[in-house]
Amino acid sequence: MKTITTDFDYLPATTVEEALDLLSQHKDDEYRILAGGQSLNTAMKHRLIAPEYIIDIKGLLDLDYIKFDEKEGLKIGALATHRSLEKSPIVREKYGVLCEMEENVASVETRNWGTVVGDLCNADPAADPAPPLIALDAKLKIASKGEARTVDAAEFAVDFFDTAVQPGEMATEIQIPVLPPNTGVYFTKYSQMLGDYALASVAVLITLDNKKESCTNARIGLAGVGSTPIRAKKAEEVLKGKKITEALLAEAAEVAKTEISPVSGIEGSADYKRELAGTLLKRVGKVALERAQKA
């Protein structure tokens, strides 16, 4: 058995440019980025990873922000914590579903230190932020030395604990567009303990027409039911252009169950998680519809 040591070189960055320069100097398997460190510290403690270099970006205050603009929408910097998102007045006013999601993420202690972007970069398929971000049509900005690109939240995670971030790159921002009128969004998860990872979680966005009679757009994000968070595009199509009823939501839930690939575990079988996701989708879709009708 290979022996994993805990020796590493600690490289604190004082600017974004310095951080990107440090990343460009090392291979992807040589380093890990330290932001909040909630997931990284645990992985290193249990000898799951042993990076040669820790590149600390916690001091990059220019990435610690939550900004809203009526044209560009919401922007969340890579150093914004779960707690700051949960307690942000502008987020609660414009994107209340994110505050609701954050209230059940781990513990207050974890939310005080852990970052939202860091959580996404850990790419645990059962983590909470991805489904509502998928429903909200969010993108992640990924920077490297001299360049930047964006990736849809639905495509950011590519496998278990693996993301679209390439060697030399760093996720720096979440970007969420302004919600259109007559839009409702809701998220919920089912977990065995309060604040624990979800066995299944679902977020639904519904936008109604001007008469609030039929659905003009729908987005559905799920987590805990595959190797990555999932956007249920086929289920979305069931809802679009129609008057949403409980029967239609049930039909969408059945379609969504064909789009997911849950894995059996000690907490539940794959079939159980599939049925759970369908049940949650019906409930979440109903609340999202009610919110759209009141918007």
C-alpha atoms as a PDB file:
ATOM      1  CA  MET A   1       0.000   0.000   0.000  1.00  0.00           C
ATOM      2  CA  LYS A   2       1.264   3.446  -0.915  1.00  0.00           C
ATOM      3  CA  THR A   3       2.130   5.623   2.067  1.00  0.00           C
ATOM      4  CA  ILE A   4       0.524   9.067   1.957  1.00  0.00           C
ATOM      5  CA  THR A   5       2.411  11.773   3.821  1.00  0.00           C
ATOM      6  CA  THR A   6       1.109  15.103   5.041  1.00  0.00           C
ATOM      7  CA  ASP A   7       4.105  17.264   4.121  1.00  0.00           C
ATOM      8  CA  PHE A   8       3.341  20.181   1.809  1.00  0.00           C
ATOM      9  CA  ASP A   9       4.554  23.640   0.898  1.00  0.00           C
ATOM     10  CA  TYR A  10       2.211  26.439   1.945  1.00  0.00           C
ATOM     11  CA  LEU A  11       1.879  29.189  -0.672  1.00  0.00           C
ATOM     12  CA  PRO A  12      -0.334  32.123   0.385  1.00  0.00           C
ATOM     13  CA  ALA A  13      -1.489  34.448  -2.402  1.00  0.00           C
ATOM     14  CA  THR A  14      -2.104  38.147  -1.783  1.00  0.00           C
ATOM     15  CA  THR A  15      -3.744  39.001  -5.133  1.00  0.00           C
ATOM     16  CA  VAL A  16      -5.774  37.146  -7.755  1.00  0.00           C
ATOM     17  CA  GLU A  17      -2.938  37.640 -10.230  1.00  0.00           C
ATOM     18  CA  GLU A  18      -0.465  36.103  -7.803  1.00  0.00           C
ATOM     19  CA  ALA A  19      -2.758  33.142  -7.203  1.00  0.00           C
ATOM     20  CA  LEU A  20      -3.141  32.510 -10.931  1.00  0.00           C
ATOM     21  CA  ASP A  21       0.608  32.807 -11.387  1.00  0.00           C
ATOM     22  CA  LEU A  22       1.165  30.191  -8.670  1.00  0.00           C
ATOM     23  CA  LEU A  23      -1.356  27.883 -10.320  1.00  0.00           C
ATOM     24  CA  SER A  24       0.395  28.199 -13.672  1.00  0.00           C
ATOM     25  CA  GLN A  25       3.654  27.023 -12.128  1.00  0.00           C
ATOM     26  CA  HIS A  26       2.394  23.648 -10.920  1.00  0.00           C
ATOM     27  CA  LYS A  27       0.683  20.563 -12.316  1.00  0.00           C
ATOM     28  CA  ASP A  28      -2.931  19.914 -11.382  1.00  0.00           C
ATOM     29  CA  ASP A  29      -2.134  16.846  -9.270  1.00  0.00           C
ATOM     30  CA  GLU A  30       0.525  18.723  -7.286  1.00  0.00           C
ATOM     31  CA  TYR A  31      -1.608  21.386  -5.596  1.00  0.00           C
ATOM     32  CA  ARG A  32      -4.916  22.159  -3.962  1.00  0.00           C
ATOM     33  CA  ILE A  33      -6.522  25.566  -3.498  1.00  0.00           C
ATOM     34  CA  LEU A  34      -7.434  26.530   0.054  1.00  0.00           C
ATOM     35  CA  ALA A  35     -10.397  28.885   0.443  1.00  0.00           C
ATOM     36  CA  GLY A  36     -12.601  27.879   3.382  1.00  0.00           C
ATOM     37  CA  GLY A  37     -10.900  24.511   3.669  1.00  0.00           C
ATOM     38  CA  GLN A  38     -13.927  22.681   5.081  1.00  0.00           C
ATOM     39  CA  SER A  39     -13.684  19.861   2.528  1.00  0.00           C
ATOM     40  CA  LEU A  40      -9.943  20.068   1.865  1.00  0.00           C
ATOM     41  CA  ASN A  41      -8.967  19.729   5.520  1.00  0.00           C
ATOM     42  CA  THR A  42     -11.186  16.674   5.937  1.00  0.00           C
ATOM     43  CA  ALA A  43      -9.783  14.968   2.833  1.00  0.00           C
ATOM     44  CA  MET A  44      -6.207  15.594   3.953  1.00  0.00           C
ATOM     45  CA  LYS A  45      -6.942  14.500   7.524  1.00  0.00           C
ATOM     46  CA  HIS A  46      -8.221  11.155   6.272  1.00  0.00           C
ATOM     47  CA  ARG A  47      -5.237  10.786   3.902  1.00  0.00           C
ATOM     48  CA  LEU A  48      -7.485  10.798   0.827  1.00  0.00           C
ATOM     49  CA  ILE A  49      -5.244  13.368  -0.860  1.00  0.00           C
ATOM     50  CA  ALA A  50      -1.710  14.586  -0.207  1.00  0.00           C
ATOM     51  CA  PRO A  51      -0.939  17.679  -2.288  1.00  0.00           C
ATOM     52  CA  GLU A  52       2.629  18.908  -2.535  1.00  0.00           C
ATOM     53  CA  TYR A  53       1.458  22.530  -2.465  1.00  0.00           C
ATOM     54  CA  ILE A  54      -1.402  24.328  -0.738  1.00  0.00           C
ATOM     55  CA  ILE A  55      -2.223  27.585  -2.503  1.00  0.00           C
ATOM     56  CA  ASP A  56      -4.091  29.716   0.023  1.00  0.00           C
ATOM     57  CA  ILE A  57      -6.514  32.261  -1.469  1.00  0.00           C
ATOM     58  CA  LYS A  58      -8.403  33.048   1.739  1.00  0.00           C
ATOM     59  CA  GLY A  59      -6.705  36.447   1.894  1.00  0.00           C
ATOM     60  CA  LEU A  60      -7.972  37.600  -1.492  1.00  0.00           C
ATOM     61  CA  LEU A  61     -10.483  40.113  -0.205  1.00  0.00           C
ATOM     62  CA  ASP A  62     -11.289  41.288  -3.727  1.00  0.00           C
ATOM     63  CA  LEU A  63     -13.045  37.930  -4.245  1.00  0.00           C
ATOM     64  CA  ASP A  64     -15.160  38.294  -1.095  1.00  0.00           C
ATOM     65  CA  TYR A  65     -18.297  40.011  -2.396  1.00  0.00           C
ATOM     66  CA  ILE A  66     -21.984  39.677  -3.166  1.00  0.00           C
ATOM     67  CA  LYS A  67     -23.153  42.247  -5.714  1.00  0.00           C
ATOM     68  CA  PHE A  68     -26.462  42.840  -7.477  1.00  0.00           C
ATOM     69  CA  ASP A  69     -27.217  44.904 -10.568  1.00  0.00           C
ATOM     70  CA  GLU A  70     -30.660  45.299 -12.146  1.00  0.00           C
ATOM     71  CA  LYS A  71     -29.216  44.511 -15.592  1.00  0.00           C
ATOM     72  CA  GLU A  72     -26.451  41.996 -14.883  1.00  0.00           C
ATOM     73  CA  GLY A  73     -28.007  40.224 -11.917  1.00  0.00           C
ATOM     74  CA  LEU A  74     -26.223  38.682  -8.943  1.00  0.00           C
ATOM     75  CA  LYS A  75     -22.492  38.066  -8.680  1.00  0.00           C
ATOM     76  CA  ILE A  76     -20.976  36.016  -5.871  1.00  0.00           C
ATOM     77  CA  GLY A  77     -17.219  36.091  -5.414  1.00  0.00           C
ATOM     78  CA  ALA A  78     -15.194  32.959  -4.736  1.00  0.00           C
ATOM     79  CA  LEU A  79     -14.485  33.977  -1.130  1.00  0.00           C
ATOM     80  CA  ALA A  80     -18.105  34.727  -0.194  1.00  0.00           C
ATOM     81  CA  THR A  81     -19.117  32.355   2.590  1.00  0.00           C
ATOM     82  CA  HIS A  82     -22.288  30.337   2.905  1.00  0.00           C
ATOM     83  CA  ARG A  83     -23.248  32.470   5.889  1.00  0.00           C
ATOM     84  CA  SER A  84     -22.799  35.762   4.044  1.00  0.00           C
ATOM     85  CA  LEU A  85     -25.075  34.480   1.274  1.00  0.00           C
ATOM     86  CA  GLU A  86     -27.626  33.291   3.819  1.00  0.00           C
ATOM     87  CA  LYS A  87     -27.698  36.671   5.582  1.00  0.00           C
ATOM     88  CA  SER A  88     -27.476  38.950   2.524  1.00  0.00           C
ATOM     89  CA  PRO A  89     -30.511  41.301   2.366  1.00  0.00           C
ATOM     90  CA  ILE A  90     -30.280  41.682  -1.430  1.00  0.00           C
ATOM     91  CA  VAL A  91     -30.096  37.925  -1.943  1.00  0.00           C
ATOM     92  CA  ARG A  92     -33.094  37.365   0.317  1.00  0.00           C
ATOM     93  CA  GLU A  93     -35.048  40.008  -1.609  1.00  0.00           C
ATOM     94  CA  LYS A  94     -34.111  38.958  -5.154  1.00  0.00           C
ATOM     95  CA  TYR A  95     -33.151  35.274  -4.868  1.00  0.00           C
ATOM     96  CA  GLY A  96     -34.739  34.093  -1.631  1.00  0.00           C
ATOM     97  CA  VAL A  97     -34.365  30.439  -2.625  1.00  0.00           C
ATOM     98  CA  LEU A  98     -30.604  30.735  -2.035  1.00  0.00           C
ATOM     99  CA  CYS A  99     -31.121  31.915   1.540  1.00  0.00           C
ATOM    100  CA  GLU A 100     -33.576  29.067   2.120  1.00  0.00           C
ATOM    101  CA  MET A 101     -31.029  26.606   0.766  1.00  0.00           C
ATOM    102  CA  GLU A 102     -28.251  27.972   2.939  1.00  0.00           C
ATOM    103  CA  GLU A 103     -30.258  27.679   6.144  1.00  0.00           C
ATOM    104  CA  ASN A 104     -29.917  23.890   5.967  1.00  0.00           C
ATOM    105  CA  VAL A 105     -26.291  23.618   4.820  1.00  0.00           C
ATOM    106  CA  ALA A 106     -24.263  21.749   7.457  1.00  0.00           C
ATOM    107  CA  SER A 107     -23.898  23.882  10.627  1.00  0.00           C
ATOM    108  CA  VAL A 108     -23.577  27.595  11.328  1.00  0.00           C
ATOM    109  CA  GLU A 109     -19.896  27.048  12.111  1.00  0.00           C
ATOM    110  CA  THR A 110     -19.327  25.487   8.696  1.00  0.00           C
ATOM    111  CA  ARG A 111     -21.319  28.199   6.930  1.00  0.00           C
ATOM    112  CA  ASN A 112     -19.316  30.906   8.696  1.00  0.00           C
ATOM    113  CA  TRP A 113     -16.067  29.684   7.137  1.00  0.00           C
ATOM    114  CA  GLY A 114     -16.868  27.570   4.097  1.00  0.00           C
ATOM    115  CA  THR A 115     -17.314  29.264   0.726  1.00  0.00           C
ATOM    116  CA  VAL A 116     -20.088  28.655  -1.788  1.00  0.00           C
ATOM    117  CA  VAL A 117     -17.691  28.424  -4.736  1.00  0.00           C
ATOM    118  CA  GLY A 118     -15.434  26.111  -2.755  1.00  0.00           C
ATOM    119  CA  ASP A 119     -18.398  23.839  -2.104  1.00  0.00           C
ATOM    120  CA  LEU A 120     -19.105  23.689  -5.826  1.00  0.00           C
ATOM    121  CA  CYS A 121     -15.437  23.005  -6.578  1.00  0.00           C
ATOM    122  CA  ASN A 122     -15.452  20.053  -4.180  1.00  0.00           C
ATOM    123  CA  ALA A 123     -18.110  18.624  -6.522  1.00  0.00           C
ATOM    124  CA  ASP A 124     -19.825  16.344  -4.054  1.00  0.00           C
ATOM    125  CA  PRO A 125     -22.870  15.189  -6.064  1.00  0.00           C
ATOM    126  CA  ALA A 126     -25.129  15.548  -3.006  1.00  0.00           C
ATOM    127  CA  ALA A 127     -24.092  19.061  -1.970  1.00  0.00           C
ATOM    128  CA  ASP A 128     -26.820  21.706  -1.722  1.00  0.00           C
ATOM    129  CA  PRO A 129     -25.861  24.770  -3.838  1.00  0.00           C
ATOM    130  CA  ALA A 130     -25.909  23.175  -7.300  1.00  0.00           C
ATOM    131  CA  PRO A 131     -29.654  22.466  -7.797  1.00  0.00           C
ATOM    132  CA  PRO A 132     -30.893  26.021  -7.089  1.00  0.00           C
ATOM    133  CA  LEU A 133     -28.027  27.472  -9.117  1.00  0.00           C
ATOM    134  CA  ILE A 134     -28.950  25.206 -12.029  1.00  0.00           C
ATOM    135  CA  ALA A 135     -32.588  26.277 -11.722  1.00  0.00           C
ATOM    136  CA  LEU A 136     -31.511  29.939 -11.652  1.00  0.00           C
ATOM    137  CA  ASP A 137     -29.475  29.506 -14.867  1.00  0.00           C
ATOM    138  CA  ALA A 138     -26.243  30.422 -13.087  1.00  0.00           C
ATOM    139  CA  LYS A 139     -22.779  30.379 -14.616  1.00  0.00           C
ATOM    140  CA  LEU A 140     -19.360  30.093 -13.031  1.00  0.00           C
ATOM    141  CA  LYS A 141     -16.485  32.285 -14.094  1.00  0.00           C
ATOM    142  CA  ILE A 142     -13.213  30.395 -14.380  1.00  0.00           C
ATOM    143  CA  ALA A 143      -9.960  32.341 -14.625  1.00  0.00           C
ATOM    144  CA  SER A 144      -6.427  31.410 -15.606  1.00  0.00           C
ATOM    145  CA  LYS A 145      -3.363  33.547 -16.194  1.00  0.00           C
ATOM    146  CA  GLY A 146      -4.462  36.166 -18.741  1.00  0.00           C
ATOM    147  CA  GLU A 147      -7.764  34.477 -19.618  1.00  0.00           C
ATOM    148  CA  ALA A 148     -11.294  33.853 -18.327  1.00  0.00           C
ATOM    149  CA  ARG A 149     -14.290  31.792 -19.411  1.00  0.00           C
ATOM    150  CA  THR A 150     -17.734  30.864 -18.076  1.00  0.00           C
ATOM    151  CA  VAL A 151     -19.380  27.478 -17.611  1.00  0.00           C
ATOM    152  CA  ASP A 152     -23.050  26.741 -16.971  1.00  0.00           C
ATOM    153  CA  ALA A 153     -23.720  25.568 -13.426  1.00  0.00           C
ATOM    154  CA  ALA A 154     -25.305  22.437 -14.892  1.00  0.00           C
ATOM    155  CA  GLU A 155     -22.019  21.561 -16.616  1.00  0.00           C
ATOM    156  CA  PHE A 156     -19.556  22.621 -13.914  1.00  0.00           C
ATOM    157  CA  ALA A 157     -19.313  19.213 -12.212  1.00  0.00           C
ATOM    158  CA  VAL A 158     -18.193  16.510 -14.647  1.00  0.00           C
ATOM    159  CA  ASP A 159     -17.914  13.471 -12.327  1.00  0.00           C
ATOM    160  CA  PHE A 160     -17.662  12.519  -8.677  1.00  0.00           C
ATOM    161  CA  PHE A 161     -15.523  15.226  -7.035  1.00  0.00           C
ATOM    162  CA  ASP A 162     -14.352  16.504 -10.435  1.00  0.00           C
ATOM    163  CA  THR A 163     -15.164  19.767 -12.196  1.00  0.00           C
ATOM    164  CA  ALA A 164     -14.609  21.603 -15.470  1.00  0.00           C
ATOM    165  CA  VAL A 165     -11.781  23.605 -13.867  1.00  0.00           C
ATOM    166  CA  GLN A 166      -8.559  22.741 -15.692  1.00  0.00           C
ATOM    167  CA  PRO A 167      -4.917  22.857 -14.498  1.00  0.00           C
ATOM    168  CA  GLY A 168      -3.866  26.457 -13.959  1.00  0.00           C
ATOM    169  CA  GLU A 169      -7.474  27.636 -13.553  1.00  0.00           C
ATOM    170  CA  MET A 170      -9.524  28.833 -10.607  1.00  0.00           C
ATOM    171  CA  ALA A 171     -13.265  29.445 -10.226  1.00  0.00           C
ATOM    172  CA  THR A 172     -13.630  33.086  -9.241  1.00  0.00           C
ATOM    173  CA  GLU A 173     -17.333  33.999  -9.430  1.00  0.00           C
ATOM    174  CA  ILE A 174     -20.924  32.793  -9.648  1.00  0.00           C
ATOM    175  CA  GLN A 175     -23.114  34.795 -12.045  1.00  0.00           C
ATOM    176  CA  ILE A 176     -26.925  34.642 -11.836  1.00  0.00           C
ATOM    177  CA  PRO A 177     -29.166  36.537 -14.273  1.00  0.00           C
ATOM    178  CA  VAL A 178     -32.067  38.745 -13.200  1.00  0.00           C
ATOM    179  CA  LEU A 179     -35.242  36.733 -12.753  1.00  0.00           C
ATOM    180  CA  PRO A 180     -38.024  37.576 -15.229  1.00  0.00           C
ATOM    181  CA  PRO A 181     -41.472  38.660 -14.011  1.00  0.00           C
ATOM    182  CA  ASN A 182     -43.942  36.002 -12.849  1.00  0.00           C
ATOM    183  CA  THR A 183     -41.169  33.662 -11.747  1.00  0.00           C
ATOM    184  CA  GLY A 184     -41.178  31.386  -8.737  1.00  0.00           C
ATOM    185  CA  VAL A 185     -38.326  29.213  -7.460  1.00  0.00           C
ATOM    186  CA  TYR A 186     -38.209  26.649  -4.678  1.00  0.00           C
ATOM    187  CA  PHE A 187     -35.695  24.125  -3.374  1.00  0.00           C
ATOM    188  CA  THR A 188     -35.840  21.339  -0.859  1.00  0.00           C
ATOM    189  CA  LYS A 189     -33.821  18.306   0.110  1.00  0.00           C
ATOM    190  CA  TYR A 190     -34.328  15.118   2.020  1.00  0.00           C
ATOM    191  CA  SER A 191     -31.551  14.129   4.400  1.00  0.00           C
ATOM    192  CA  GLN A 192     -31.325  11.793   7.360  1.00  0.00           C
ATOM    193  CA  MET A 193     -30.211  14.586   9.704  1.00  0.00           C
ATOM    194  CA  LEU A 194     -30.696  18.349   9.690  1.00  0.00           C
ATOM    195  CA  GLY A 195     -27.884  19.955   7.699  1.00  0.00           C
ATOM    196  CA  ASP A 196     -26.590  16.628   6.360  1.00  0.00           C
ATOM    197  CA  TYR A 197     -25.933  15.817   2.717  1.00  0.00           C
ATOM    198  CA  ALA A 198     -29.074  15.056   0.734  1.00  0.00           C
ATOM    199  CA  LEU A 199     -30.266  11.638  -0.301  1.00  0.00           C
ATOM    200  CA  ALA A 200     -32.017  13.655  -2.986  1.00  0.00           C
ATOM    201  CA  SER A 201     -32.647  17.354  -3.529  1.00  0.00           C
ATOM    202  CA  VAL A 202     -34.650  19.278  -6.114  1.00  0.00           C
ATOM    203  CA  ALA A 203     -34.935  22.896  -7.246  1.00  0.00           C
ATOM    204  CA  VAL A 204     -37.612  24.078  -9.668  1.00  0.00           C
ATOM    205  CA  LEU A 205     -37.997  27.436 -11.425  1.00  0.00           C
ATOM    206  CA  ILE A 206     -41.280  28.267 -13.147  1.00  0.00           C
ATOM    207  CA  THR A 207     -42.017  31.392 -15.173  1.00  0.00           C
ATOM    208  CA  LEU A 208     -45.619  32.096 -16.175  1.00  0.00           C
ATOM    209  CA  ASP A 209     -47.003  34.187 -19.019  1.00  0.00           C
ATOM    210  CA  ASN A 210     -48.480  37.653 -18.472  1.00  0.00           C
ATOM    211  CA  LYS A 211     -51.889  36.180 -17.618  1.00  0.00           C
ATOM    212  CA  LYS A 212     -50.214  33.726 -15.224  1.00  0.00           C
ATOM    213  CA  GLU A 213     -51.983  30.863 -16.917  1.00  0.00           C
ATOM    214  CA  SER A 214     -49.305  28.855 -18.708  1.00  0.00           C
ATOM    215  CA  CYS A 215     -45.634  28.101 -18.197  1.00  0.00           C
ATOM    216  CA  THR A 216     -43.234  29.956 -20.491  1.00  0.00           C
ATOM    217  CA  ASN A 217     -40.069  28.553 -18.924  1.00  0.00           C
ATOM    218  CA  ALA A 218     -39.094  25.857 -16.463  1.00  0.00           C
ATOM    219  CA  ARG A 219     -35.748  24.739 -15.096  1.00  0.00           C
ATOM    220  CA  ILE A 220     -35.178  21.744 -12.848  1.00  0.00           C
ATOM    221  CA  GLY A 221     -32.000  20.914 -10.931  1.00  0.00           C
ATOM    222  CA  LEU A 222     -31.419  17.768  -8.895  1.00  0.00           C
ATOM    223  CA  ALA A 223     -28.608  16.470  -6.682  1.00  0.00           C
ATOM    224  CA  GLY A 224     -27.793  13.285  -4.820  1.00  0.00           C
ATOM    225  CA  VAL A 225     -29.156  11.167  -7.672  1.00  0.00           C
ATOM    226  CA  GLY A 226     -26.136  10.749  -9.939  1.00  0.00           C
ATOM    227  CA  SER A 227     -22.405  11.247 -10.210  1.00  0.00           C
ATOM    228  CA  THR A 228     -23.022  14.979 -10.656  1.00  0.00           C
ATOM    229  CA  PRO A 229     -25.873  17.415 -10.074  1.00  0.00           C
ATOM    230  CA  ILE A 230     -28.322  17.131 -12.956  1.00  0.00           C
ATOM    231  CA  ARG A 231     -30.515  19.404 -15.031  1.00  0.00           C
ATOM    232  CA  ALA A 232     -33.677  17.497 -16.000  1.00  0.00           C
ATOM    233  CA  LYS A 233     -34.216  18.967 -19.472  1.00  0.00           C
ATOM    234  CA  LYS A 234     -36.790  16.416 -20.619  1.00  0.00           C
ATOM    235  CA  ALA A 235     -38.897  17.008 -17.527  1.00  0.00           C
ATOM    236  CA  GLU A 236     -38.685  20.755 -18.153  1.00  0.00           C
ATOM    237  CA  GLU A 237     -40.148  20.278 -21.633  1.00  0.00           C
ATOM    238  CA  VAL A 238     -43.174  18.541 -20.124  1.00  0.00           C
ATOM    239  CA  LEU A 239     -44.046  21.793 -18.321  1.00  0.00           C
ATOM    240  CA  LYS A 240     -43.243  24.418 -20.943  1.00  0.00           C
ATOM    241  CA  GLY A 241     -46.139  25.979 -22.850  1.00  0.00           C
ATOM    242  CA  LYS A 242     -48.801  24.344 -20.688  1.00  0.00           C
ATOM    243  CA  LYS A 243     -51.000  25.140 -17.738  1.00  0.00           C
ATOM    244  CA  ILE A 244     -49.311  23.510 -14.799  1.00  0.00           C
ATOM    245  CA  THR A 245     -51.449  21.150 -12.780  1.00  0.00           C
ATOM    246  CA  GLU A 246     -50.660  18.502 -10.200  1.00  0.00           C
ATOM    247  CA  ALA A 247     -51.150  15.885 -12.921  1.00  0.00           C
ATOM    248  CA  LEU A 248     -48.651  17.657 -15.181  1.00  0.00           C
ATOM    249  CA  LEU A 249     -46.137  17.899 -12.338  1.00  0.00           C
ATOM    250  CA  ALA A 250     -46.584  14.178 -11.723  1.00  0.00           C
ATOM    251  CA  GLU A 251     -45.892  13.538 -15.410  1.00  0.00           C
ATOM    252  CA  ALA A 252     -42.757  15.696 -15.254  1.00  0.00           C
ATOM    253  CA  ALA A 253     -41.630  13.792 -12.157  1.00  0.00           C
ATOM    254  CA  GLU A 254     -41.954  10.473 -13.982  1.00  0.00           C
ATOM    255  CA  VAL A 255     -39.870  11.816 -16.855  1.00  0.00           C
ATOM    256  CA  ALA A 256     -37.253  13.208 -14.479  1.00  0.00           C
ATOM    257  CA  LYS A 257     -36.877   9.765 -12.911  1.00  0.00           C
ATOM    258  CA  THR A 258     -35.639   8.493 -16.290  1.00  0.00           C
ATOM    259  CA  GLU A 259     -32.973  11.231 -16.456  1.00  0.00           C
ATOM    260  CA  ILE A 260     -31.223  10.434 -13.182  1.00  0.00           C
ATOM    261  CA  SER A 261     -28.794   7.676 -12.207  1.00  0.00           C
ATOM    262  CA  PRO A 262     -28.795   7.283  -8.425  1.00  0.00           C
ATOM    263  CA  VAL A 263     -26.356   4.916  -6.750  1.00  0.00           C
ATOM    264  CA  SER A 264     -27.345   2.496  -3.996  1.00  0.00           C
ATOM    265  CA  GLY A 265     -25.706   2.989  -0.601  1.00  0.00           C
ATOM    266  CA  ILE A 266     -26.195   2.264   3.063  1.00  0.00           C
ATOM    267  CA  GLU A 267     -28.559   5.236   3.274  1.00  0.00           C
ATOM    268  CA  GLY A 268     -30.902   3.928   0.568  1.00  0.00           C
ATOM    269  CA  SER A 269     -31.195   1.959  -2.656  1.00  0.00           C
ATOM    270  CA  ALA A 270     -31.035   3.500  -6.103  1.00  0.00           C
ATOM    271  CA  ASP A 271     -34.747   2.758  -6.604  1.00  0.00           C
ATOM    272  CA  TYR A 272     -35.599   4.468  -3.327  1.00  0.00           C
ATOM    273  CA  LYS A 273     -33.645   7.589  -4.293  1.00  0.00           C
ATOM    274  CA  ARG A 274     -35.290   7.646  -7.714  1.00  0.00           C
ATOM    275  CA  GLU A 275     -38.765   7.548  -6.184  1.00  0.00           C
ATOM    276  CA  LEU A 276     -37.722  10.126  -3.592  1.00  0.00           C
ATOM    277  CA  ALA A 277     -36.541  12.527  -6.293  1.00  0.00           C
ATOM    278  CA  GLY A 278     -39.854  12.176  -8.125  1.00  0.00           C
ATOM    279  CA  THR A 279     -41.854  12.850  -4.981  1.00  0.00           C
ATOM    280  CA  LEU A 280     -39.752  15.904  -4.135  1.00  0.00           C
ATOM    281  CA  LEU A 281     -40.111  17.279  -7.658  1.00  0.00           C
ATOM    282  CA  LYS A 282     -43.891  17.221  -7.428  1.00  0.00           C
ATOM    283  CA  ARG A 283     -43.836  19.015  -4.076  1.00  0.00           C
ATOM    284  CA  VAL A 284     -41.211  21.558  -5.080  1.00  0.00           C
ATOM    285  CA  GLY A 285     -42.898  22.257  -8.417  1.00  0.00           C
ATOM    286  CA  LYS A 286     -46.178  23.006  -6.639  1.00  0.00           C
ATOM    287  CA  VAL A 287     -44.529  25.585  -4.361  1.00  0.00           C
ATOM    288  CA  ALA A 288     -42.595  27.134  -7.283  1.00  0.00           C
ATOM    289  CA  LEU A 289     -45.909  27.497  -9.162  1.00  0.00           C
ATOM    290  CA  GLU A 290     -47.571  29.163  -6.179  1.00  0.00           C
ATOM    291  CA  ARG A 291     -44.682  31.602  -5.913  1.00  0.00           C
ATOM    292  CA  ALA A 292     -44.847  32.391  -9.632  1.00  0.00           C
ATOM    293  CA  GLN A 293     -48.572  33.113  -9.332  1.00  0.00           C
ATOM    294  CA  LYS A 294     -47.883  35.546  -6.485  1.00  0.00           C
ATOM    295  CA  ALA A 295     -44.818  37.190  -8.047  1.00  0.00           C
END
